[in-house]
């Protein structure tokens, strides 16, 4: 299952994502992962959350991020939630280019029974129809 926090830059998306990740620890028995494009929020998420800076692994494309997600869930069956900040920046794509990729992540999350919460920095009024069902 995918959920999108879809809003413009400066609207508090990352704070909300961090709060959701920290709250997830109290409601799940499994593992929680927080993925970002740098380490600036590393100390804002609780230490029990696995924090991943994609720059440490040279993740710079859709396929690379998808491979990272697959590797994580293949290695750790206990992952219950993955939170991804700066999604479009990490994959280097625009909203109009990610339909197939969102579908792949949704399929992976459903098959492996984890929740993926993803931030997309864009105007929610201009969100493509295929993304509207995921926006929370």
N, C-alpha and C. Protein backbone atom coordinates (compact mmCIF):
# COMPACT_ATOMS: atom_id res chain seq x y z
N UNK A 1 0.84 -1.17 0.00
CA UNK A 1 0.00 0.00 0.00
C UNK A 1 0.88 1.24 0.00
N UNK A 2 0.54 2.18 -0.85
CA UNK A 2 1.25 3.45 -0.92
C UNK A 2 0.33 4.55 -0.42
N UNK A 3 0.93 5.49 0.29
CA UNK A 3 0.26 6.73 0.66
C UNK A 3 1.19 7.87 0.25
N UNK A 4 0.60 8.93 -0.29
CA UNK A 4 1.39 10.09 -0.71
C UNK A 4 1.06 11.30 0.16
N UNK A 5 2.10 11.96 0.61
CA UNK A 5 1.95 13.30 1.18
C UNK A 5 2.32 14.22 0.03
N UNK A 6 1.31 14.85 -0.53
CA UNK A 6 1.46 15.57 -1.80
C UNK A 6 1.14 17.05 -1.53
N UNK A 7 2.14 17.88 -1.51
CA UNK A 7 1.94 19.30 -1.23
C UNK A 7 3.13 20.10 -1.74
N UNK A 8 2.97 21.41 -1.73
CA UNK A 8 4.02 22.30 -2.22
C UNK A 8 5.17 22.39 -1.22
N UNK A 9 6.30 22.86 -1.72
CA UNK A 9 7.48 23.06 -0.90
C UNK A 9 7.16 24.04 0.23
N UNK A 10 7.66 23.72 1.43
CA UNK A 10 7.47 24.60 2.58
C UNK A 10 6.16 24.43 3.31
N UNK A 11 5.42 23.38 3.00
CA UNK A 11 4.11 23.20 3.62
C UNK A 11 4.12 22.25 4.83
N UNK A 12 5.29 21.81 5.25
CA UNK A 12 5.39 20.95 6.43
C UNK A 12 5.32 19.46 6.14
N UNK A 13 5.56 19.07 4.90
CA UNK A 13 5.49 17.66 4.52
C UNK A 13 6.49 16.80 5.28
N UNK A 14 7.73 17.24 5.36
CA UNK A 14 8.77 16.44 6.01
C UNK A 14 8.49 16.29 7.49
N UNK A 15 8.09 17.33 8.14
CA UNK A 15 7.73 17.25 9.57
C UNK A 15 6.62 16.22 9.77
N UNK A 16 5.62 16.26 8.91
CA UNK A 16 4.52 15.29 8.99
C UNK A 16 5.04 13.87 8.77
N UNK A 17 5.93 13.69 7.80
CA UNK A 17 6.48 12.37 7.52
C UNK A 17 7.28 11.84 8.70
N UNK A 18 8.09 12.70 9.30
CA UNK A 18 8.87 12.31 10.48
C UNK A 18 7.95 11.91 11.62
N UNK A 19 6.92 12.71 11.85
CA UNK A 19 5.95 12.39 12.91
C UNK A 19 5.27 11.06 12.65
N UNK A 20 4.90 10.81 11.39
CA UNK A 20 4.26 9.53 11.04
C UNK A 20 5.20 8.36 11.26
N UNK A 21 6.47 8.52 10.89
CA UNK A 21 7.45 7.45 11.07
C UNK A 21 7.65 7.15 12.55
N UNK A 22 7.80 8.20 13.35
CA UNK A 22 7.98 8.01 14.79
C UNK A 22 6.76 7.37 15.43
N UNK A 23 5.58 7.77 15.00
CA UNK A 23 4.34 7.20 15.52
C UNK A 23 4.20 5.72 15.13
N UNK A 24 4.68 5.38 13.95
CA UNK A 24 4.58 4.01 13.46
C UNK A 24 5.23 3.02 14.43
N UNK A 25 6.29 3.46 15.11
CA UNK A 25 6.97 2.58 16.07
C UNK A 25 6.05 2.11 17.19
N UNK A 26 5.11 2.95 17.57
CA UNK A 26 4.23 2.57 18.67
C UNK A 26 3.05 1.70 18.22
N UNK A 27 2.85 1.58 16.91
CA UNK A 27 1.70 0.82 16.42
C UNK A 27 2.09 -0.43 15.65
N UNK A 28 3.36 -0.65 15.42
CA UNK A 28 3.78 -1.82 14.66
C UNK A 28 4.75 -2.67 15.47
N UNK A 29 4.74 -3.95 15.18
CA UNK A 29 5.70 -4.86 15.80
C UNK A 29 6.91 -5.07 14.89
N UNK A 30 6.81 -4.55 13.66
CA UNK A 30 7.88 -4.74 12.70
C UNK A 30 8.86 -3.59 12.65
N UNK A 31 9.69 -3.60 11.62
CA UNK A 31 10.73 -2.59 11.44
C UNK A 31 10.22 -1.43 10.58
N UNK A 32 10.81 -0.26 10.83
CA UNK A 32 10.45 0.96 10.12
C UNK A 32 11.73 1.52 9.49
N UNK A 33 11.60 2.00 8.24
CA UNK A 33 12.73 2.56 7.50
C UNK A 33 12.36 3.98 7.07
N UNK A 34 13.33 4.89 7.16
CA UNK A 34 13.15 6.27 6.70
C UNK A 34 14.24 6.55 5.67
N UNK A 35 13.84 6.88 4.44
CA UNK A 35 14.78 7.13 3.35
C UNK A 35 14.76 8.61 3.01
N UNK A 36 15.94 9.20 2.88
CA UNK A 36 16.05 10.62 2.55
C UNK A 36 17.25 10.84 1.63
N UNK A 37 17.35 12.05 1.10
CA UNK A 37 18.44 12.37 0.17
C UNK A 37 19.64 13.01 0.86
N UNK A 38 19.59 13.16 2.17
CA UNK A 38 20.73 13.63 2.97
C UNK A 38 20.49 13.25 4.42
N UNK A 39 21.39 13.67 5.31
CA UNK A 39 21.31 13.26 6.71
C UNK A 39 20.69 14.31 7.63
N UNK A 40 20.13 15.38 7.09
CA UNK A 40 19.70 16.49 7.95
C UNK A 40 18.62 16.11 8.96
N UNK A 41 17.82 15.09 8.68
CA UNK A 41 16.75 14.70 9.61
C UNK A 41 17.09 13.42 10.37
N UNK A 42 18.31 12.99 10.29
CA UNK A 42 18.73 11.73 10.91
C UNK A 42 18.41 11.68 12.41
N UNK A 43 18.56 12.79 13.09
CA UNK A 43 18.35 12.80 14.54
C UNK A 43 16.92 13.19 14.92
N UNK A 44 16.08 13.47 13.93
CA UNK A 44 14.67 13.76 14.20
C UNK A 44 13.82 12.50 14.24
N UNK A 45 14.27 11.45 13.57
CA UNK A 45 13.55 10.18 13.65
C UNK A 45 14.12 9.39 14.83
N UNK A 46 13.26 8.62 15.46
CA UNK A 46 13.70 7.83 16.62
C UNK A 46 14.79 6.86 16.21
N UNK A 47 15.68 6.58 17.14
CA UNK A 47 16.86 5.76 16.82
C UNK A 47 16.52 4.33 16.43
N UNK A 48 15.32 3.86 16.74
CA UNK A 48 14.93 2.50 16.36
C UNK A 48 14.58 2.40 14.87
N UNK A 49 14.40 3.54 14.23
CA UNK A 49 14.07 3.58 12.80
C UNK A 49 15.36 3.50 12.01
N UNK A 50 15.39 2.65 11.01
CA UNK A 50 16.57 2.55 10.14
C UNK A 50 16.56 3.75 9.21
N UNK A 51 17.53 4.64 9.36
CA UNK A 51 17.64 5.84 8.53
C UNK A 51 18.60 5.54 7.38
N UNK A 52 18.15 5.81 6.15
CA UNK A 52 18.97 5.55 4.97
C UNK A 52 19.13 6.84 4.17
N UNK A 53 20.38 7.28 4.02
CA UNK A 53 20.70 8.40 3.14
C UNK A 53 21.09 7.80 1.79
N UNK A 54 20.28 8.06 0.76
CA UNK A 54 20.51 7.43 -0.54
C UNK A 54 21.85 7.82 -1.16
N UNK A 55 22.39 8.96 -0.77
CA UNK A 55 23.70 9.37 -1.32
C UNK A 55 24.80 8.42 -0.90
N UNK A 56 24.64 7.77 0.26
CA UNK A 56 25.63 6.79 0.71
C UNK A 56 25.70 5.58 -0.22
N UNK A 57 24.64 5.36 -1.00
CA UNK A 57 24.55 4.18 -1.88
C UNK A 57 24.44 4.56 -3.36
N UNK A 58 24.65 5.85 -3.64
CA UNK A 58 24.60 6.36 -5.01
C UNK A 58 23.28 6.04 -5.72
N UNK A 59 22.18 6.20 -4.99
CA UNK A 59 20.83 5.99 -5.53
C UNK A 59 20.42 7.29 -6.22
N UNK A 60 20.30 7.26 -7.55
CA UNK A 60 20.03 8.48 -8.32
C UNK A 60 19.03 8.27 -9.44
N UNK A 61 18.26 7.20 -9.38
CA UNK A 61 17.29 6.93 -10.45
C UNK A 61 16.14 6.10 -9.90
N UNK A 62 15.10 5.99 -10.71
CA UNK A 62 13.94 5.15 -10.35
C UNK A 62 14.38 3.71 -10.12
N UNK A 63 15.13 3.19 -11.06
CA UNK A 63 15.53 1.79 -10.96
C UNK A 63 16.43 1.53 -9.75
N UNK A 64 17.31 2.47 -9.45
CA UNK A 64 18.20 2.30 -8.30
C UNK A 64 17.40 2.32 -7.00
N UNK A 65 16.45 3.24 -6.86
CA UNK A 65 15.64 3.28 -5.64
C UNK A 65 14.77 2.03 -5.54
N UNK A 66 14.19 1.60 -6.65
CA UNK A 66 13.39 0.39 -6.63
C UNK A 66 14.24 -0.82 -6.23
N UNK A 67 15.45 -0.90 -6.74
CA UNK A 67 16.36 -1.98 -6.36
C UNK A 67 16.69 -1.95 -4.88
N UNK A 68 16.89 -0.75 -4.34
CA UNK A 68 17.14 -0.62 -2.90
C UNK A 68 15.95 -1.13 -2.10
N UNK A 69 14.74 -0.73 -2.50
CA UNK A 69 13.53 -1.19 -1.81
C UNK A 69 13.40 -2.71 -1.87
N UNK A 70 13.63 -3.27 -3.06
CA UNK A 70 13.55 -4.73 -3.21
C UNK A 70 14.57 -5.43 -2.33
N UNK A 71 15.79 -4.91 -2.31
CA UNK A 71 16.83 -5.51 -1.47
C UNK A 71 16.49 -5.45 0.01
N UNK A 72 15.92 -4.33 0.42
CA UNK A 72 15.54 -4.19 1.83
C UNK A 72 14.50 -5.23 2.24
N UNK A 73 13.44 -5.33 1.44
CA UNK A 73 12.36 -6.26 1.83
C UNK A 73 12.74 -7.71 1.59
N UNK A 74 13.66 -7.97 0.67
CA UNK A 74 14.13 -9.34 0.46
C UNK A 74 14.99 -9.79 1.64
N UNK A 75 15.74 -8.86 2.21
CA UNK A 75 16.64 -9.19 3.31
C UNK A 75 15.93 -9.18 4.65
N UNK A 76 14.90 -8.36 4.79
CA UNK A 76 14.25 -8.19 6.08
C UNK A 76 12.74 -8.31 5.93
N UNK A 77 12.22 -9.46 6.25
CA UNK A 77 10.78 -9.71 6.13
C UNK A 77 9.97 -8.96 7.18
N UNK A 78 10.64 -8.36 8.17
CA UNK A 78 9.95 -7.66 9.25
C UNK A 78 9.68 -6.19 8.96
N UNK A 79 10.07 -5.69 7.79
CA UNK A 79 9.80 -4.29 7.47
C UNK A 79 8.29 -4.11 7.29
N UNK A 80 7.73 -3.22 8.09
CA UNK A 80 6.30 -2.93 8.05
C UNK A 80 5.99 -1.60 7.38
N UNK A 81 6.95 -0.66 7.41
CA UNK A 81 6.70 0.66 6.85
C UNK A 81 8.00 1.28 6.35
N UNK A 82 7.90 1.92 5.18
CA UNK A 82 9.02 2.65 4.60
C UNK A 82 8.53 4.06 4.30
N UNK A 83 9.25 5.04 4.81
CA UNK A 83 8.92 6.45 4.62
C UNK A 83 9.99 7.07 3.72
N UNK A 84 9.57 7.72 2.64
CA UNK A 84 10.52 8.27 1.68
C UNK A 84 10.31 9.77 1.54
N UNK A 85 11.32 10.55 1.90
CA UNK A 85 11.31 12.00 1.73
C UNK A 85 12.04 12.33 0.42
N UNK A 86 11.75 13.49 -0.14
CA UNK A 86 12.45 14.00 -1.33
C UNK A 86 12.39 13.02 -2.50
N UNK A 87 11.27 12.36 -2.68
CA UNK A 87 11.12 11.30 -3.68
C UNK A 87 11.50 11.74 -5.09
N UNK A 88 10.90 12.82 -5.58
CA UNK A 88 11.18 13.27 -6.95
C UNK A 88 12.64 13.68 -7.11
N UNK A 89 13.21 14.26 -6.09
CA UNK A 89 14.62 14.67 -6.14
C UNK A 89 15.53 13.44 -6.21
N UNK A 90 15.20 12.42 -5.44
CA UNK A 90 16.01 11.20 -5.44
C UNK A 90 15.99 10.53 -6.81
N UNK A 91 14.82 10.41 -7.41
CA UNK A 91 14.73 9.68 -8.67
C UNK A 91 14.97 10.55 -9.90
N UNK A 92 15.01 11.87 -9.72
CA UNK A 92 15.29 12.77 -10.83
C UNK A 92 14.22 12.80 -11.91
N UNK A 93 12.97 12.70 -11.49
CA UNK A 93 11.84 12.69 -12.43
C UNK A 93 10.83 13.75 -12.04
N UNK A 94 9.94 14.07 -12.99
CA UNK A 94 8.79 14.93 -12.73
C UNK A 94 7.59 14.05 -12.45
N UNK A 95 6.56 14.64 -11.86
CA UNK A 95 5.34 13.89 -11.50
C UNK A 95 4.74 13.19 -12.71
N UNK A 96 4.78 13.83 -13.86
CA UNK A 96 4.17 13.26 -15.07
C UNK A 96 4.88 11.99 -15.55
N UNK A 97 6.08 11.73 -15.05
CA UNK A 97 6.89 10.62 -15.54
C UNK A 97 6.90 9.39 -14.63
N UNK A 98 6.13 9.39 -13.55
CA UNK A 98 6.31 8.34 -12.55
C UNK A 98 5.16 7.34 -12.43
N UNK A 99 4.22 7.36 -13.32
CA UNK A 99 3.05 6.49 -13.19
C UNK A 99 3.43 5.02 -13.07
N UNK A 100 4.25 4.53 -13.99
CA UNK A 100 4.64 3.12 -13.96
C UNK A 100 5.44 2.79 -12.71
N UNK A 101 6.27 3.71 -12.29
CA UNK A 101 7.11 3.50 -11.13
C UNK A 101 6.28 3.43 -9.84
N UNK A 102 5.30 4.30 -9.71
CA UNK A 102 4.41 4.26 -8.54
C UNK A 102 3.68 2.91 -8.51
N UNK A 103 3.25 2.44 -9.65
CA UNK A 103 2.58 1.14 -9.74
C UNK A 103 3.50 0.01 -9.28
N UNK A 104 4.77 0.07 -9.69
CA UNK A 104 5.74 -0.95 -9.28
C UNK A 104 5.93 -0.96 -7.76
N UNK A 105 6.05 0.22 -7.18
CA UNK A 105 6.23 0.31 -5.72
C UNK A 105 4.97 -0.19 -5.01
N UNK A 106 3.81 0.18 -5.53
CA UNK A 106 2.56 -0.27 -4.93
C UNK A 106 2.47 -1.80 -4.98
N UNK A 107 2.82 -2.38 -6.11
CA UNK A 107 2.81 -3.84 -6.24
C UNK A 107 3.79 -4.50 -5.26
N UNK A 108 4.99 -3.92 -5.14
CA UNK A 108 6.00 -4.44 -4.21
C UNK A 108 5.50 -4.36 -2.77
N UNK A 109 4.90 -3.23 -2.42
CA UNK A 109 4.40 -3.03 -1.06
C UNK A 109 3.26 -4.00 -0.75
N UNK A 110 2.38 -4.19 -1.70
CA UNK A 110 1.25 -5.11 -1.50
C UNK A 110 1.75 -6.55 -1.37
N UNK A 111 2.63 -6.96 -2.26
CA UNK A 111 3.15 -8.33 -2.24
C UNK A 111 3.92 -8.63 -0.95
N UNK A 112 4.66 -7.63 -0.46
CA UNK A 112 5.51 -7.84 0.72
C UNK A 112 4.89 -7.28 2.00
N UNK A 113 3.67 -6.82 1.92
CA UNK A 113 2.88 -6.38 3.06
C UNK A 113 3.56 -5.31 3.91
N UNK A 114 4.01 -4.24 3.23
CA UNK A 114 4.50 -3.08 3.96
C UNK A 114 3.81 -1.83 3.44
N UNK A 115 3.82 -0.81 4.26
CA UNK A 115 3.24 0.48 3.90
C UNK A 115 4.37 1.38 3.43
N UNK A 116 4.17 2.06 2.31
CA UNK A 116 5.14 3.04 1.81
C UNK A 116 4.47 4.41 1.84
N UNK A 117 5.07 5.33 2.58
CA UNK A 117 4.58 6.70 2.64
C UNK A 117 5.63 7.57 1.96
N UNK A 118 5.19 8.27 0.90
CA UNK A 118 6.11 8.98 0.02
C UNK A 118 5.73 10.45 -0.06
N UNK A 119 6.74 11.31 -0.01
CA UNK A 119 6.50 12.75 -0.18
C UNK A 119 6.71 13.12 -1.64
N UNK A 120 5.74 13.86 -2.16
CA UNK A 120 5.89 14.46 -3.49
C UNK A 120 5.67 15.96 -3.34
N UNK A 121 6.69 16.71 -3.70
CA UNK A 121 6.62 18.17 -3.63
C UNK A 121 6.11 18.71 -4.96
N UNK A 122 4.83 19.03 -4.98
CA UNK A 122 4.19 19.57 -6.18
C UNK A 122 2.84 20.15 -5.77
N UNK A 123 2.23 20.86 -6.68
CA UNK A 123 0.93 21.47 -6.43
C UNK A 123 -0.14 20.39 -6.41
N UNK A 124 -0.81 20.18 -5.27
CA UNK A 124 -1.81 19.12 -5.19
C UNK A 124 -3.01 19.35 -6.10
N UNK A 125 -3.29 20.59 -6.44
CA UNK A 125 -4.40 20.87 -7.35
C UNK A 125 -4.12 20.39 -8.76
N UNK A 126 -2.84 20.21 -9.08
CA UNK A 126 -2.45 19.76 -10.41
C UNK A 126 -2.02 18.29 -10.42
N UNK A 127 -2.34 17.57 -9.36
CA UNK A 127 -1.94 16.16 -9.27
C UNK A 127 -2.59 15.35 -10.38
N UNK A 128 -1.82 14.50 -11.05
CA UNK A 128 -2.40 13.62 -12.07
C UNK A 128 -3.44 12.68 -11.46
N UNK A 129 -4.41 12.32 -12.24
CA UNK A 129 -5.50 11.46 -11.77
C UNK A 129 -5.00 10.14 -11.18
N UNK A 130 -3.95 9.57 -11.78
CA UNK A 130 -3.48 8.27 -11.31
C UNK A 130 -2.87 8.34 -9.91
N UNK A 131 -2.53 9.52 -9.42
CA UNK A 131 -1.97 9.66 -8.08
C UNK A 131 -3.02 10.01 -7.03
N UNK A 132 -4.14 10.51 -7.44
CA UNK A 132 -5.13 11.03 -6.48
C UNK A 132 -5.62 9.97 -5.49
N UNK A 133 -5.67 8.72 -5.89
CA UNK A 133 -6.15 7.67 -4.98
C UNK A 133 -5.17 7.38 -3.85
N UNK A 134 -3.91 7.81 -4.00
CA UNK A 134 -2.89 7.57 -2.99
C UNK A 134 -2.72 8.73 -2.01
N UNK A 135 -3.21 9.91 -2.34
CA UNK A 135 -2.95 11.11 -1.54
C UNK A 135 -3.72 11.06 -0.23
N UNK A 136 -2.99 11.32 0.86
CA UNK A 136 -3.62 11.35 2.19
C UNK A 136 -3.66 12.77 2.72
